[in-house]
Amino acid sequence: MSDRLLRASIWLVVVAIAGFTAQQSYSHIYDLGLAHGQSGLAARFLPLSIDGVILAASLLMLEQARADRPGGPLPRIMLVAGIVVTLWANIVYGLRGGLTGAILDACSPLGFVGIVEAVIGDVRRAAKPGRGRHAGQLPAAAPGDAETAAAAALRASIAGGNPLSQNQLADRFKLTRTQVRQLVDDVARESNGQPAAGVRK
């Protein structure tokens, strides 16, 4: 499975789980609000105001992780607060069905939060030099200089004993096949044609 297909599959699963848990949590908090004096728009917006905090905080933390930009503690605080409130509300709703009902209703928000945290953690680790699956392959090149970055990544991968393929170079750095072939030839000439000449297509 290619990296692109794997990432698409992961995000598809995350989005699907988010949709399932959001629908379940919304209906539970809405019914709970109606049973405790909320009505009309107040009852309808109550679940959105609680679960929306979790979504907003998660997206902000994900963006910070992708940009490798340290953020303040507020997004994490709001995420934890949203998790506590939605978990509490779902458990209270589930208690109508006894202990088993409470546990079952707690599973969905916990599962969603766990997956979101795993995705954010993976993005954060991949953004740090020397970490993640492609550690040692991240080039120190100026933003936008794709060919220079690709050449540096190829050299690093060769030095690590696992040369990037031509397809990987093209996909990761958005280069044409002609650019990749020229780049591989240039790196091969630099190293007297030894490691780079065997780069896979």
Protein backbone atom coordinates (compact mmCIF):
# COMPACT_ATOMS: atom_id res chain seq x y z
CA MET A 1 0.00 0.00 0.00
CA SER A 2 1.43 3.39 -1.01
CA ASP A 3 1.97 6.17 1.52
CA ARG A 4 -0.74 8.27 -0.11
CA LEU A 5 -3.31 5.46 -0.03
CA LEU A 6 -2.42 4.66 3.57
CA ARG A 7 -2.88 8.28 4.66
CA ALA A 8 -6.19 8.49 2.79
CA SER A 9 -7.38 5.29 4.48
CA ILE A 10 -6.42 6.58 7.92
CA TRP A 11 -8.24 9.87 7.43
CA LEU A 12 -11.28 8.08 6.01
CA VAL A 13 -11.52 5.94 9.15
CA VAL A 14 -10.98 8.94 11.45
CA VAL A 15 -13.66 10.98 9.67
CA ALA A 16 -16.10 8.04 9.73
CA ILE A 17 -15.59 7.47 13.46
CA ALA A 18 -15.92 11.19 14.09
CA GLY A 19 -19.25 11.19 12.27
CA PHE A 20 -20.60 8.17 14.16
CA THR A 21 -19.56 9.44 17.58
CA ALA A 22 -20.71 12.98 16.85
CA GLN A 23 -24.19 11.77 15.94
CA GLN A 24 -24.41 9.57 19.02
CA SER A 25 -23.05 12.19 21.38
CA TYR A 26 -25.30 14.89 19.90
CA SER A 27 -28.47 12.87 20.45
CA HIS A 28 -27.46 11.92 24.00
CA ILE A 29 -26.60 15.46 25.09
CA TYR A 30 -29.67 16.85 23.33
CA ASP A 31 -31.99 14.42 25.14
CA LEU A 32 -30.19 15.11 28.42
CA GLY A 33 -30.63 18.85 27.91
CA LEU A 34 -34.36 18.45 27.24
CA ALA A 35 -34.73 16.37 30.40
CA HIS A 36 -33.06 19.11 32.46
CA GLY A 37 -34.87 22.24 31.41
CA GLN A 38 -33.26 23.08 28.06
CA SER A 39 -35.56 23.66 25.12
CA GLY A 40 -35.67 24.95 21.56
CA LEU A 41 -32.43 26.32 20.16
CA ALA A 42 -30.70 26.06 23.53
CA ALA A 43 -31.16 22.28 23.54
CA ARG A 44 -30.10 21.98 19.90
CA PHE A 45 -26.96 24.07 20.30
CA LEU A 46 -25.91 22.53 23.61
CA PRO A 47 -24.26 19.42 22.05
CA LEU A 48 -22.57 21.56 19.41
CA SER A 49 -21.10 23.90 22.00
CA ILE A 50 -19.62 20.96 23.93
CA ASP A 51 -18.37 18.68 21.15
CA GLY A 52 -17.45 21.70 19.02
CA VAL A 53 -14.83 22.63 21.60
CA ILE A 54 -13.22 19.20 21.19
CA LEU A 55 -13.23 19.49 17.40
CA ALA A 56 -11.84 23.04 17.38
CA ALA A 57 -9.09 22.24 19.89
CA SER A 58 -8.14 19.04 18.03
CA LEU A 59 -7.91 20.82 14.67
CA LEU A 60 -5.82 23.62 16.17
CA MET A 61 -3.43 21.13 17.75
CA LEU A 62 -3.23 19.19 14.48
CA GLU A 63 -2.34 22.36 12.57
CA GLN A 64 0.31 23.23 15.15
CA ALA A 65 1.75 19.72 14.84
CA ARG A 66 1.85 19.85 11.03
CA ALA A 67 3.60 23.22 11.11
CA ASP A 68 5.92 22.01 13.90
CA ARG A 69 4.87 25.15 15.76
CA PRO A 70 4.73 24.99 19.56
CA GLY A 71 1.38 26.12 20.87
CA GLY A 72 0.29 27.40 24.24
CA PRO A 73 -1.52 25.28 26.81
CA LEU A 74 -4.99 26.66 26.02
CA PRO A 75 -5.90 24.25 23.17
CA ARG A 76 -4.90 21.28 25.34
CA ILE A 77 -6.85 22.66 28.30
CA MET A 78 -9.96 23.21 26.18
CA LEU A 79 -9.60 19.73 24.66
CA VAL A 80 -9.42 18.10 28.09
CA ALA A 81 -12.35 20.21 29.35
CA GLY A 82 -14.47 19.26 26.33
CA ILE A 83 -13.60 15.58 26.74
CA VAL A 84 -14.51 15.61 30.44
CA VAL A 85 -17.86 17.31 29.84
CA THR A 86 -18.93 15.18 26.88
CA LEU A 87 -17.80 12.01 28.65
CA TRP A 88 -19.71 12.98 31.77
CA ALA A 89 -22.85 13.82 29.76
CA ASN A 90 -22.75 10.53 27.85
CA ILE A 91 -22.21 8.53 31.04
CA VAL A 92 -25.10 10.28 32.79
CA TYR A 93 -27.31 9.56 29.78
CA GLY A 94 -26.19 5.93 29.70
CA LEU A 95 -26.95 5.42 33.40
CA ARG A 96 -30.59 5.13 32.40
CA GLY A 97 -29.62 1.68 31.18
CA GLY A 98 -27.58 0.87 34.25
CA LEU A 99 -23.82 0.44 34.53
CA THR A 100 -23.58 -1.39 31.21
CA GLY A 101 -25.39 1.43 29.45
CA ALA A 102 -23.05 4.01 30.98
CA ILE A 103 -19.96 2.08 29.90
CA LEU A 104 -21.27 1.59 26.37
CA ASP A 105 -22.10 5.27 25.99
CA ALA A 106 -18.63 6.22 27.26
CA CYS A 107 -16.88 4.06 24.66
CA SER A 108 -17.64 6.22 21.60
CA PRO A 109 -16.19 9.54 22.84
CA LEU A 110 -13.21 7.75 24.35
CA GLY A 111 -12.52 5.93 21.08
CA PHE A 112 -12.75 9.12 19.05
CA VAL A 113 -10.46 11.05 21.38
CA GLY A 114 -7.93 8.22 21.37
CA ILE A 115 -7.77 8.09 17.58
CA VAL A 116 -7.52 11.88 17.24
CA GLU A 117 -4.69 11.97 19.77
CA ALA A 118 -2.90 9.15 17.93
CA VAL A 119 -3.14 11.00 14.60
CA ILE A 120 -1.95 14.28 16.13
CA GLY A 121 0.94 12.51 17.84
CA ASP A 122 1.97 10.81 14.60
CA VAL A 123 1.90 14.12 12.70
CA ARG A 124 3.91 15.82 15.46
CA ARG A 125 6.55 13.07 15.47
CA ALA A 126 6.83 13.12 11.66
CA ALA A 127 7.32 16.91 11.72
CA LYS A 128 10.38 16.70 13.98
CA PRO A 129 13.79 16.15 12.39
CA GLY A 130 15.20 12.72 13.15
CA ARG A 131 11.82 11.30 14.11
CA GLY A 132 9.16 9.28 12.29
CA ARG A 133 9.29 6.71 9.53
CA HIS A 134 11.36 8.87 7.18
CA ALA A 135 13.89 9.91 9.80
CA GLY A 136 17.18 10.95 8.30
CA GLN A 137 15.56 11.68 4.93
CA LEU A 138 14.31 15.19 5.62
CA PRO A 139 16.48 17.70 3.78
CA ALA A 140 17.70 21.03 5.07
CA ALA A 141 16.63 23.03 2.05
CA ALA A 142 14.89 26.32 1.44
CA PRO A 143 11.07 26.04 1.25
CA GLY A 144 9.88 25.70 -2.33
CA ASP A 145 13.22 24.37 -3.69
CA ALA A 146 11.80 20.94 -4.38
CA GLU A 147 14.68 19.62 -6.48
CA THR A 148 17.31 20.64 -3.92
CA ALA A 149 15.23 19.06 -1.15
CA ALA A 150 14.73 15.89 -3.18
CA ALA A 151 18.46 15.62 -3.92
CA ALA A 152 19.31 16.05 -0.23
CA ALA A 153 16.72 13.43 0.72
CA LEU A 154 18.08 11.00 -1.85
CA ARG A 155 21.66 11.45 -0.61
CA ALA A 156 20.55 10.93 2.99
CA SER A 157 18.56 7.82 2.10
CA ILE A 158 21.52 6.38 0.19
CA ALA A 159 23.80 7.05 3.14
CA GLY A 160 21.29 5.25 5.36
CA GLY A 161 21.34 2.21 3.10
CA ASN A 162 17.72 2.52 1.92
CA PRO A 163 17.61 4.70 -1.23
CA LEU A 164 14.34 6.40 -2.04
CA SER A 165 12.74 5.14 -5.24
CA GLN A 166 12.02 7.40 -8.19
CA ASN A 167 8.29 7.08 -7.49
CA GLN A 168 8.79 8.14 -3.87
CA LEU A 169 10.84 11.15 -4.94
CA ALA A 170 8.23 12.20 -7.50
CA ASP A 171 5.30 11.81 -5.11
CA ARG A 172 6.94 13.37 -2.05
CA PHE A 173 8.49 16.39 -3.76
CA LYS A 174 5.93 16.85 -6.57
CA LEU A 175 8.49 16.45 -9.34
CA THR A 176 8.02 15.24 -12.89
CA ARG A 177 9.52 11.93 -13.96
CA THR A 178 12.02 13.81 -16.12
CA GLN A 179 13.13 15.92 -13.16
CA VAL A 180 13.51 12.81 -11.01
CA ARG A 181 15.59 10.96 -13.61
CA GLN A 182 17.86 13.97 -14.02
CA LEU A 183 18.18 14.31 -10.26
CA VAL A 184 19.09 10.62 -9.86
CA ASP A 185 21.67 10.91 -12.63
CA ASP A 186 23.20 13.99 -10.99
CA VAL A 187 23.46 12.29 -7.61
CA ALA A 188 24.90 9.17 -9.28
CA ARG A 189 27.61 11.25 -10.95
CA GLU A 190 28.43 12.89 -7.62
CA SER A 191 28.96 9.47 -6.07
CA ASN A 192 30.75 8.07 -9.16
CA GLY A 193 27.66 6.11 -10.13
CA GLN A 194 27.80 3.73 -7.21
CA PRO A 195 24.71 3.78 -4.92
CA ALA A 196 22.38 6.11 -6.80
CA ALA A 197 22.61 4.19 -10.06
CA GLY A 198 20.52 1.44 -8.45
CA VAL A 199 17.64 3.67 -7.34
CA ARG A 200 14.36 1.91 -8.04
CA LYS A 201 11.73 3.36 -10.34
